[in-house]
Amino acid sequence: MNIRDFWYKYFEYDRVGERKIKKSIELWHKGGAFNHLRARMMWNHIRKHYNCNIFPGITVGKNLRIEHSSWIAIGQTAVLGDNVRIYSRVDITAKVVGDEERNAKGERRHAKIGNDVILGNGCMIIGPVTIGDDCIIGARALVTHDVPPHSIVIGTNQIKPKNAEQKAPTYKKLD
């Protein structure tokens, strides 16, 4: 690892926020009252310092990448797959209508995101929708319906299939 990669990994503002978020999620999933307390304390620090509200009890796959950890809100029952990339100002929230019934049944209230998904800057995913694998949710898109795999979402629920040449950029892993 050269000095530039070292500096970027350990001292850049976005990477530090991402590491703190991942650490709080890891502590929560270890279990135990002390780890839950530490995770909640980290969560409160992250909310105040980074304006990022990601509950540490969410289910996260491998290699979560948060590009800019500011103004992100992800609800408690959200499920994120492997290799999910999240940009700033992303909201994954629950619907208000029908929440009492879902709470009583113990159902998921937030979205389930598949593997290799990109959530663009300012997108909003509302309700217990399912987003398939290898999808791109465009900047400022609004999603309230299920999205099939290999799709692109732009605007308000405008779902289009991906072409063969439409691929997401890959980044080398710094961890």
N, C-alpha and C. Protein backbone atom coordinates (compact mmCIF):
# COMPACT_ATOMS: atom_id res chain seq x y z
N MET A 1 0.86 -1.17 0.00
CA MET A 1 0.00 0.00 0.00
C MET A 1 0.90 1.24 0.00
N ASN A 2 0.70 2.11 -0.98
CA ASN A 2 1.51 3.32 -1.04
C ASN A 2 0.95 4.38 -0.09
N ILE A 3 1.66 5.50 0.05
CA ILE A 3 1.28 6.53 1.01
C ILE A 3 -0.06 7.18 0.67
N ARG A 4 -0.36 7.30 -0.62
CA ARG A 4 -1.63 7.90 -1.02
C ARG A 4 -2.81 7.04 -0.61
N ASP A 5 -2.70 5.72 -0.83
CA ASP A 5 -3.77 4.81 -0.41
C ASP A 5 -3.90 4.78 1.11
N PHE A 6 -2.76 4.80 1.80
CA PHE A 6 -2.77 4.82 3.27
C PHE A 6 -3.47 6.07 3.78
N TRP A 7 -3.12 7.22 3.23
CA TRP A 7 -3.71 8.48 3.65
C TRP A 7 -5.21 8.49 3.37
N TYR A 8 -5.59 8.03 2.20
CA TYR A 8 -7.00 8.00 1.82
C TYR A 8 -7.80 7.07 2.72
N LYS A 9 -7.22 5.92 3.05
CA LYS A 9 -7.94 4.94 3.85
C LYS A 9 -8.14 5.41 5.29
N TYR A 10 -7.13 6.02 5.88
CA TYR A 10 -7.20 6.30 7.31
C TYR A 10 -7.51 7.74 7.68
N PHE A 11 -7.37 8.71 6.78
CA PHE A 11 -7.52 10.09 7.19
C PHE A 11 -8.53 10.90 6.40
N GLU A 12 -9.08 10.36 5.34
CA GLU A 12 -10.08 11.10 4.59
C GLU A 12 -11.40 11.09 5.33
N TYR A 13 -12.12 12.18 5.27
CA TYR A 13 -13.36 12.37 6.02
C TYR A 13 -14.39 11.29 5.68
N ASP A 14 -14.59 11.01 4.43
CA ASP A 14 -15.61 10.04 4.04
C ASP A 14 -15.25 8.63 4.48
N ARG A 15 -14.00 8.25 4.35
CA ARG A 15 -13.61 6.90 4.72
C ARG A 15 -13.70 6.71 6.23
N VAL A 16 -13.40 7.76 7.02
CA VAL A 16 -13.50 7.65 8.47
C VAL A 16 -14.96 7.45 8.86
N GLY A 17 -15.87 8.20 8.25
CA GLY A 17 -17.29 8.03 8.53
C GLY A 17 -17.76 6.64 8.16
N GLU A 18 -17.32 6.14 7.02
CA GLU A 18 -17.70 4.80 6.59
C GLU A 18 -17.20 3.75 7.58
N ARG A 19 -15.96 3.89 8.03
CA ARG A 19 -15.40 2.93 8.99
C ARG A 19 -16.17 2.95 10.31
N LYS A 20 -16.55 4.13 10.78
CA LYS A 20 -17.30 4.22 12.04
C LYS A 20 -18.67 3.57 11.90
N ILE A 21 -19.33 3.79 10.77
CA ILE A 21 -20.63 3.17 10.54
C ILE A 21 -20.50 1.65 10.52
N LYS A 22 -19.51 1.14 9.80
CA LYS A 22 -19.31 -0.30 9.73
C LYS A 22 -18.98 -0.88 11.11
N LYS A 23 -18.21 -0.15 11.90
CA LYS A 23 -17.84 -0.62 13.24
C LYS A 23 -19.07 -0.69 14.14
N SER A 24 -19.96 0.31 14.06
CA SER A 24 -21.16 0.27 14.90
C SER A 24 -22.06 -0.90 14.50
N ILE A 25 -22.17 -1.17 13.21
CA ILE A 25 -22.98 -2.31 12.75
C ILE A 25 -22.35 -3.62 13.22
N GLU A 26 -21.03 -3.71 13.14
CA GLU A 26 -20.33 -4.91 13.58
C GLU A 26 -20.53 -5.14 15.08
N LEU A 27 -20.42 -4.07 15.88
CA LEU A 27 -20.63 -4.20 17.32
C LEU A 27 -22.05 -4.67 17.64
N TRP A 28 -23.02 -4.12 16.94
CA TRP A 28 -24.41 -4.50 17.19
C TRP A 28 -24.63 -5.99 16.93
N HIS A 29 -24.05 -6.49 15.85
CA HIS A 29 -24.28 -7.88 15.47
C HIS A 29 -23.46 -8.87 16.29
N LYS A 30 -22.50 -8.39 17.08
CA LYS A 30 -21.80 -9.28 18.01
C LYS A 30 -22.73 -9.71 19.14
N GLY A 31 -23.71 -8.84 19.44
CA GLY A 31 -24.67 -9.18 20.48
C GLY A 31 -24.17 -8.78 21.85
N GLY A 32 -25.05 -8.88 22.82
CA GLY A 32 -24.71 -8.54 24.19
C GLY A 32 -25.09 -7.10 24.52
N ALA A 33 -25.44 -6.87 25.75
CA ALA A 33 -25.90 -5.55 26.17
C ALA A 33 -24.80 -4.50 26.05
N PHE A 34 -23.57 -4.86 26.41
CA PHE A 34 -22.48 -3.89 26.34
C PHE A 34 -22.17 -3.49 24.90
N ASN A 35 -22.15 -4.45 23.99
CA ASN A 35 -21.90 -4.13 22.59
C ASN A 35 -23.04 -3.31 21.99
N HIS A 36 -24.28 -3.60 22.38
CA HIS A 36 -25.41 -2.80 21.90
C HIS A 36 -25.31 -1.37 22.42
N LEU A 37 -24.90 -1.21 23.67
CA LEU A 37 -24.72 0.13 24.23
C LEU A 37 -23.62 0.89 23.48
N ARG A 38 -22.50 0.23 23.23
CA ARG A 38 -21.41 0.87 22.48
C ARG A 38 -21.85 1.23 21.06
N ALA A 39 -22.61 0.34 20.42
CA ALA A 39 -23.08 0.61 19.07
C ALA A 39 -24.04 1.80 19.05
N ARG A 40 -24.92 1.88 20.04
CA ARG A 40 -25.84 3.02 20.10
C ARG A 40 -25.10 4.32 20.38
N MET A 41 -24.06 4.27 21.20
CA MET A 41 -23.26 5.47 21.47
C MET A 41 -22.54 5.92 20.19
N MET A 42 -22.00 4.98 19.45
CA MET A 42 -21.36 5.31 18.17
C MET A 42 -22.39 5.86 17.19
N TRP A 43 -23.57 5.27 17.17
CA TRP A 43 -24.65 5.72 16.30
C TRP A 43 -25.01 7.17 16.60
N ASN A 44 -25.12 7.52 17.88
CA ASN A 44 -25.42 8.90 18.25
C ASN A 44 -24.30 9.85 17.83
N HIS A 45 -23.05 9.42 17.98
CA HIS A 45 -21.92 10.25 17.54
C HIS A 45 -21.95 10.45 16.03
N ILE A 46 -22.22 9.39 15.30
CA ILE A 46 -22.27 9.48 13.84
C ILE A 46 -23.41 10.38 13.39
N ARG A 47 -24.55 10.28 14.05
CA ARG A 47 -25.69 11.14 13.69
C ARG A 47 -25.36 12.61 13.90
N LYS A 48 -24.67 12.92 14.98
CA LYS A 48 -24.35 14.33 15.27
C LYS A 48 -23.21 14.84 14.39
N HIS A 49 -22.17 14.04 14.23
CA HIS A 49 -20.97 14.50 13.54
C HIS A 49 -21.09 14.44 12.02
N TYR A 50 -21.72 13.39 11.50
CA TYR A 50 -21.80 13.20 10.05
C TYR A 50 -23.19 13.43 9.48
N ASN A 51 -24.17 13.72 10.34
CA ASN A 51 -25.57 13.86 9.90
C ASN A 51 -26.02 12.62 9.14
N CYS A 52 -25.66 11.48 9.65
CA CYS A 52 -25.93 10.21 9.00
C CYS A 52 -26.69 9.32 9.97
N ASN A 53 -27.87 8.88 9.60
CA ASN A 53 -28.72 8.10 10.49
C ASN A 53 -28.88 6.69 9.94
N ILE A 54 -27.90 5.84 10.19
CA ILE A 54 -27.97 4.44 9.79
C ILE A 54 -28.02 3.62 11.07
N PHE A 55 -29.18 3.00 11.32
CA PHE A 55 -29.34 2.21 12.53
C PHE A 55 -28.37 1.03 12.50
N PRO A 56 -27.63 0.78 13.61
CA PRO A 56 -26.62 -0.29 13.58
C PRO A 56 -27.20 -1.70 13.50
N GLY A 57 -28.51 -1.87 13.69
CA GLY A 57 -29.09 -3.21 13.64
C GLY A 57 -29.50 -3.67 12.26
N ILE A 58 -29.19 -2.89 11.20
CA ILE A 58 -29.57 -3.32 9.85
C ILE A 58 -28.73 -4.52 9.43
N THR A 59 -29.22 -5.26 8.46
CA THR A 59 -28.50 -6.41 7.94
C THR A 59 -27.70 -5.96 6.72
N VAL A 60 -26.39 -6.21 6.76
CA VAL A 60 -25.50 -5.73 5.71
C VAL A 60 -24.66 -6.89 5.19
N GLY A 61 -24.52 -6.96 3.87
CA GLY A 61 -23.67 -7.97 3.25
C GLY A 61 -22.21 -7.53 3.26
N LYS A 62 -21.40 -8.24 2.50
CA LYS A 62 -19.98 -7.93 2.43
C LYS A 62 -19.73 -6.71 1.54
N ASN A 63 -18.67 -6.00 1.84
CA ASN A 63 -18.14 -4.92 1.01
C ASN A 63 -19.15 -3.78 0.78
N LEU A 64 -19.74 -3.31 1.85
CA LEU A 64 -20.58 -2.11 1.77
C LEU A 64 -19.67 -0.91 1.56
N ARG A 65 -20.03 -0.05 0.63
CA ARG A 65 -19.22 1.14 0.37
C ARG A 65 -20.12 2.36 0.45
N ILE A 66 -19.78 3.26 1.37
CA ILE A 66 -20.52 4.50 1.54
C ILE A 66 -19.61 5.60 1.02
N GLU A 67 -19.94 6.15 -0.13
CA GLU A 67 -19.05 7.10 -0.78
C GLU A 67 -18.94 8.42 0.00
N HIS A 68 -20.04 8.96 0.42
CA HIS A 68 -20.04 10.19 1.22
C HIS A 68 -21.03 9.96 2.34
N SER A 69 -20.55 9.93 3.55
CA SER A 69 -21.39 9.50 4.67
C SER A 69 -22.25 10.62 5.24
N SER A 70 -22.59 11.61 4.46
CA SER A 70 -23.40 12.69 4.99
C SER A 70 -24.84 12.58 4.50
N TRP A 71 -25.77 12.87 5.39
CA TRP A 71 -27.20 12.95 5.11
C TRP A 71 -27.77 11.65 4.56
N ILE A 72 -27.37 10.54 5.12
CA ILE A 72 -27.92 9.25 4.73
C ILE A 72 -28.84 8.77 5.85
N ALA A 73 -30.00 8.25 5.49
CA ALA A 73 -30.93 7.69 6.48
C ALA A 73 -31.37 6.32 6.00
N ILE A 74 -31.08 5.30 6.82
CA ILE A 74 -31.48 3.93 6.51
C ILE A 74 -32.19 3.37 7.73
N GLY A 75 -33.40 2.87 7.55
CA GLY A 75 -34.23 2.39 8.65
C GLY A 75 -33.80 1.07 9.23
N GLN A 76 -34.43 0.72 10.34
CA GLN A 76 -34.04 -0.43 11.15
C GLN A 76 -34.16 -1.78 10.47
N THR A 77 -35.18 -1.96 9.66
CA THR A 77 -35.41 -3.29 9.09
C THR A 77 -34.89 -3.43 7.66
N ALA A 78 -34.05 -2.50 7.22
CA ALA A 78 -33.49 -2.57 5.87
C ALA A 78 -32.48 -3.73 5.78
N VAL A 79 -32.40 -4.31 4.59
CA VAL A 79 -31.46 -5.40 4.32
C VAL A 79 -30.65 -4.99 3.10
N LEU A 80 -29.32 -4.93 3.25
CA LEU A 80 -28.43 -4.56 2.16
C LEU A 80 -27.61 -5.78 1.76
N GLY A 81 -27.51 -6.04 0.47
CA GLY A 81 -26.77 -7.19 -0.03
C GLY A 81 -25.27 -6.91 -0.12
N ASP A 82 -24.58 -7.76 -0.85
CA ASP A 82 -23.13 -7.62 -1.03
C ASP A 82 -22.83 -6.56 -2.08
N ASN A 83 -21.70 -5.89 -1.93
CA ASN A 83 -21.19 -4.91 -2.89
C ASN A 83 -22.19 -3.79 -3.19
N VAL A 84 -22.82 -3.26 -2.17
CA VAL A 84 -23.75 -2.15 -2.34
C VAL A 84 -22.96 -0.85 -2.17
N ARG A 85 -23.17 0.07 -3.09
CA ARG A 85 -22.50 1.37 -3.04
C ARG A 85 -23.56 2.45 -2.81
N ILE A 86 -23.36 3.26 -1.75
CA ILE A 86 -24.32 4.28 -1.37
C ILE A 86 -23.66 5.64 -1.46
N TYR A 87 -24.31 6.56 -2.17
CA TYR A 87 -23.83 7.94 -2.24
C TYR A 87 -24.59 8.79 -1.22
N SER A 88 -24.28 10.07 -1.15
CA SER A 88 -24.86 10.92 -0.10
C SER A 88 -26.34 11.20 -0.34
N ARG A 89 -27.01 11.58 0.74
CA ARG A 89 -28.42 11.97 0.77
C ARG A 89 -29.38 10.87 0.36
N VAL A 90 -29.02 9.62 0.58
CA VAL A 90 -29.89 8.48 0.27
C VAL A 90 -30.82 8.25 1.46
N ASP A 91 -32.11 8.06 1.18
CA ASP A 91 -33.09 7.75 2.21
C ASP A 91 -33.73 6.41 1.90
N ILE A 92 -33.67 5.50 2.86
CA ILE A 92 -34.39 4.23 2.78
C ILE A 92 -35.34 4.24 3.96
N THR A 93 -36.60 4.61 3.71
CA THR A 93 -37.55 4.85 4.78
C THR A 93 -38.76 3.94 4.65
N ALA A 94 -39.55 3.90 5.71
CA ALA A 94 -40.77 3.10 5.74
C ALA A 94 -41.96 3.94 5.30
N LYS A 95 -42.99 3.26 4.83
CA LYS A 95 -44.25 3.93 4.54
C LYS A 95 -44.96 4.21 5.85
N VAL A 96 -45.69 5.27 5.90
CA VAL A 96 -46.46 5.57 7.11
C VAL A 96 -47.75 4.76 7.12
N VAL A 97 -48.37 4.61 5.98
CA VAL A 97 -49.64 3.88 5.88
C VAL A 97 -49.38 2.38 6.05
N GLY A 98 -50.08 1.77 6.97
CA GLY A 98 -49.97 0.33 7.17
C GLY A 98 -48.81 -0.10 8.04
N ASP A 99 -48.12 0.82 8.67
CA ASP A 99 -46.98 0.46 9.51
C ASP A 99 -47.39 -0.32 10.75
N GLU A 100 -48.54 -0.01 11.30
CA GLU A 100 -48.98 -0.69 12.52
C GLU A 100 -49.19 -2.18 12.26
N GLU A 101 -49.78 -2.50 11.11
CA GLU A 101 -50.01 -3.91 10.78
C GLU A 101 -48.69 -4.66 10.57
N ARG A 102 -47.73 -4.02 9.88
CA ARG A 102 -46.44 -4.66 9.65
C ARG A 102 -45.68 -4.82 10.96
N ASN A 103 -45.77 -3.84 11.86
CA ASN A 103 -45.13 -3.97 13.16
C ASN A 103 -45.72 -5.11 13.96
N ALA A 104 -47.05 -5.24 13.94
CA ALA A 104 -47.72 -6.29 14.69
C ALA A 104 -47.34 -7.68 14.16
N LYS A 105 -47.17 -7.80 12.85
CA LYS A 105 -46.80 -9.09 12.25
C LYS A 105 -45.30 -9.36 12.29
N GLY A 106 -44.51 -8.35 12.63
CA GLY A 106 -43.06 -8.52 12.64
C GLY A 106 -42.45 -8.52 11.26
N GLU A 107 -43.10 -7.91 10.30
CA GLU A 107 -42.61 -7.88 8.92
C GLU A 107 -41.60 -6.76 8.71
N ARG A 108 -40.90 -6.85 7.61
CA ARG A 108 -39.95 -5.82 7.21
C ARG A 108 -40.70 -4.57 6.78
N ARG A 109 -40.24 -3.40 7.26
CA ARG A 109 -40.87 -2.14 6.90
C ARG A 109 -40.05 -1.34 5.90
N HIS A 110 -38.80 -1.71 5.74
CA HIS A 110 -37.89 -0.98 4.85
C HIS A 110 -37.47 -1.87 3.69
N ALA A 111 -36.72 -1.31 2.77
CA ALA A 111 -36.37 -2.01 1.53
C ALA A 111 -35.36 -3.13 1.75
N LYS A 112 -35.40 -4.07 0.81
CA LYS A 112 -34.40 -5.12 0.72
C LYS A 112 -33.62 -4.86 -0.56
N ILE A 113 -32.33 -4.58 -0.43
CA ILE A 113 -31.48 -4.23 -1.55
C ILE A 113 -30.65 -5.46 -1.93
N GLY A 114 -30.61 -5.79 -3.20
CA GLY A 114 -29.87 -6.95 -3.68
C GLY A 114 -28.36 -6.70 -3.76
N ASN A 115 -27.67 -7.62 -4.38
CA ASN A 115 -26.21 -7.53 -4.53
C ASN A 115 -25.84 -6.63 -5.72
N ASP A 116 -24.68 -5.99 -5.63
CA ASP A 116 -24.13 -5.16 -6.70
C ASP A 116 -25.08 -4.04 -7.12
N VAL A 117 -25.62 -3.33 -6.16
CA VAL A 117 -26.56 -2.24 -6.41
C VAL A 117 -25.89 -0.91 -6.10
N ILE A 118 -26.17 0.08 -6.93
CA ILE A 118 -25.69 1.44 -6.70
C ILE A 118 -26.89 2.32 -6.37
N LEU A 119 -26.83 3.02 -5.25
CA LEU A 119 -27.87 3.95 -4.85
C LEU A 119 -27.33 5.35 -5.08
N GLY A 120 -27.85 6.03 -6.10
CA GLY A 120 -27.34 7.33 -6.51
C GLY A 120 -27.64 8.44 -5.52
N ASN A 121 -26.98 9.55 -5.73
CA ASN A 121 -27.08 10.71 -4.85
C ASN A 121 -28.53 11.20 -4.77
N GLY A 122 -29.07 11.27 -3.55
CA GLY A 122 -30.39 11.82 -3.33
C GLY A 122 -31.55 10.90 -3.65
N CYS A 123 -31.30 9.63 -3.90
CA CYS A 123 -32.43 8.74 -4.20
C CYS A 123 -33.21 8.42 -2.92
N MET A 124 -34.46 8.08 -3.11
CA MET A 124 -35.33 7.78 -1.99
C MET A 124 -36.07 6.48 -2.28
N ILE A 125 -35.98 5.55 -1.34
CA ILE A 125 -36.64 4.25 -1.47
C ILE A 125 -37.63 4.16 -0.31
N ILE A 126 -38.91 4.07 -0.64
CA ILE A 126 -39.95 4.15 0.38
C ILE A 126 -40.72 2.84 0.45
N GLY A 127 -40.80 2.29 1.65
CA GLY A 127 -41.61 1.11 1.89
C GLY A 127 -40.83 -0.18 1.78
N PRO A 128 -41.53 -1.32 1.97
CA PRO A 128 -40.87 -2.63 1.96
C PRO A 128 -40.69 -3.18 0.54
N VAL A 129 -40.03 -2.42 -0.31
CA VAL A 129 -39.81 -2.87 -1.69
C VAL A 129 -38.58 -3.76 -1.75
N THR A 130 -38.47 -4.49 -2.84
CA THR A 130 -37.31 -5.35 -3.08
C THR A 130 -36.63 -4.86 -4.35
N ILE A 131 -35.34 -4.59 -4.24
CA ILE A 131 -34.55 -4.15 -5.39
C ILE A 131 -33.64 -5.31 -5.77
N GLY A 132 -33.74 -5.75 -7.01
CA GLY A 132 -33.01 -6.93 -7.48
C GLY A 132 -31.51 -6.70 -7.58
N ASP A 133 -30.80 -7.75 -7.92
CA ASP A 133 -29.34 -7.69 -8.06
C ASP A 133 -28.95 -6.87 -9.28
N ASP A 134 -27.77 -6.26 -9.19
CA ASP A 134 -27.15 -5.54 -10.31
C ASP A 134 -28.05 -4.42 -10.85
N CYS A 135 -28.57 -3.60 -9.95
CA CYS A 135 -29.41 -2.48 -10.35
C CYS A 135 -28.70 -1.16 -10.07
N ILE A 136 -29.11 -0.15 -10.79
CA ILE A 136 -28.63 1.21 -10.54
C ILE A 136 -29.84 2.08 -10.28
N ILE A 137 -29.87 2.70 -9.12
CA ILE A 137 -30.92 3.65 -8.77
C ILE A 137 -30.32 5.02 -9.00
N GLY A 138 -30.84 5.76 -9.95
CA GLY A 138 -30.26 7.02 -10.37
C GLY A 138 -30.37 8.12 -9.31
N ALA A 139 -29.66 9.20 -9.57
CA ALA A 139 -29.68 10.34 -8.66
C ALA A 139 -31.08 10.92 -8.59
N ARG A 140 -31.53 11.20 -7.39
CA ARG A 140 -32.83 11.81 -7.09
C ARG A 140 -34.01 10.98 -7.59
N ALA A 141 -33.81 9.68 -7.72
CA ALA A 141 -34.91 8.79 -8.13
C ALA A 141 -35.78 8.47 -6.92
N LEU A 142 -37.04 8.21 -7.17
CA LEU A 142 -37.99 7.82 -6.14
C LEU A 142 -38.49 6.42 -6.47
N VAL A 143 -38.32 5.48 -5.53
CA VAL A 143 -38.70 4.09 -5.75
C VAL A 143 -39.75 3.70 -4.71
N THR A 144 -40.93 3.30 -5.19
CA THR A 144 -41.98 2.81 -4.30
C THR A 144 -42.50 1.46 -4.74
N HIS A 145 -41.96 0.90 -5.82
CA HIS A 145 -42.36 -0.41 -6.33
C HIS A 145 -41.13 -1.31 -6.40
N ASP A 146 -41.36 -2.61 -6.47
CA ASP A 146 -40.26 -3.56 -6.62
C ASP A 146 -39.53 -3.32 -7.94
N VAL A 147 -38.22 -3.55 -7.92
CA VAL A 147 -37.38 -3.35 -9.09
C VAL A 147 -36.78 -4.70 -9.49
N PRO A 148 -36.98 -5.16 -10.74
CA PRO A 148 -36.42 -6.45 -11.14
C PRO A 148 -34.90 -6.36 -11.29
N PRO A 149 -34.22 -7.51 -11.27
CA PRO A 149 -32.76 -7.50 -11.43
C PRO A 149 -32.34 -6.89 -12.77
N HIS A 150 -31.11 -6.38 -12.82
CA HIS A 150 -30.50 -5.81 -14.02
C HIS A 150 -31.33 -4.67 -14.59
N SER A 151 -31.67 -3.72 -13.73
CA SER A 151 -32.50 -2.58 -14.15
C SER A 151 -31.87 -1.27 -13.73
N ILE A 152 -32.35 -0.21 -14.35
CA ILE A 152 -31.97 1.15 -14.00
C ILE A 152 -33.26 1.88 -13.65
N VAL A 153 -33.24 2.64 -12.55
CA VAL A 153 -34.40 3.42 -12.16
C VAL A 153 -34.03 4.89 -12.24
N ILE A 154 -34.83 5.64 -12.98
CA ILE A 154 -34.64 7.09 -13.06
C ILE A 154 -35.99 7.75 -12.76
N GLY A 155 -35.95 8.94 -12.26
CA GLY A 155 -37.20 9.65 -11.98
C GLY A 155 -38.04 8.94 -10.94
N THR A 156 -39.34 9.00 -11.13
CA THR A 156 -40.27 8.38 -10.20
C THR A 156 -40.73 7.05 -10.76
N ASN A 157 -40.17 5.97 -10.24
CA ASN A 157 -40.53 4.59 -10.63
C ASN A 157 -40.43 4.33 -12.12
N GLN A 158 -39.53 4.98 -12.82
CA GLN A 158 -39.31 4.70 -14.24
C GLN A 158 -38.22 3.63 -14.34
N ILE A 159 -38.63 2.39 -14.47
CA ILE A 159 -37.72 1.25 -14.45
C ILE A 159 -37.42 0.84 -15.87
N LYS A 160 -36.13 0.78 -16.20
CA LYS A 160 -35.70 0.39 -17.55
C LYS A 160 -34.68 -0.74 -17.43
N PRO A 161 -34.70 -1.71 -18.34
CA PRO A 161 -33.69 -2.77 -18.30
C PRO A 161 -32.32 -2.21 -18.71
N LYS A 162 -31.26 -2.78 -18.12
CA LYS A 162 -29.91 -2.36 -18.47
C LYS A 162 -29.47 -2.98 -19.78
N ASN A 163 -28.70 -2.22 -20.54
CA ASN A 163 -28.07 -2.77 -21.74
C ASN A 163 -26.79 -3.48 -21.35
N ALA A 164 -26.23 -4.22 -22.29
CA ALA A 164 -25.00 -4.97 -22.00
C ALA A 164 -23.82 -4.03 -21.73
N GLU A 165 -23.80 -2.85 -22.35
CA GLU A 165 -22.67 -1.93 -22.16
C GLU A 165 -22.84 -1.03 -20.93
N GLN A 166 -23.97 -1.08 -20.27
CA GLN A 166 -24.20 -0.25 -19.09
C GLN A 166 -23.73 -1.00 -17.85
N LYS A 167 -22.50 -0.75 -17.46
CA LYS A 167 -21.93 -1.40 -16.29
C LYS A 167 -21.45 -0.34 -15.31
N ALA A 168 -21.53 -0.67 -14.05
CA ALA A 168 -21.07 0.25 -13.02
C ALA A 168 -19.55 0.23 -12.96
N PRO A 169 -18.93 1.36 -12.62
CA PRO A 169 -17.47 1.36 -12.48
C PRO A 169 -17.05 0.54 -11.26
N THR A 170 -15.90 -0.08 -11.36
CA THR A 170 -15.39 -0.87 -10.24
C THR A 170 -14.26 -0.11 -9.57
N TYR A 171 -14.16 -0.28 -8.28
CA TYR A 171 -13.11 0.36 -7.50
C TYR A 171 -12.27 -0.71 -6.86
N LYS A 172 -10.99 -0.42 -6.70
CA LYS A 172 -10.17 -1.38 -5.99
C LYS A 172 -10.49 -1.27 -4.52
N LYS A 173 -10.43 -2.40 -3.84
CA LYS A 173 -10.78 -2.47 -2.44
C LYS A 173 -9.57 -2.04 -1.62
N LEU A 174 -9.77 -1.06 -0.72
CA LEU A 174 -8.67 -0.55 0.09
C LEU A 174 -8.53 -1.28 1.41
N ASP A 175 -9.56 -2.03 1.81
CA ASP A 175 -9.52 -2.69 3.14
C ASP A 175 -8.63 -3.90 3.11
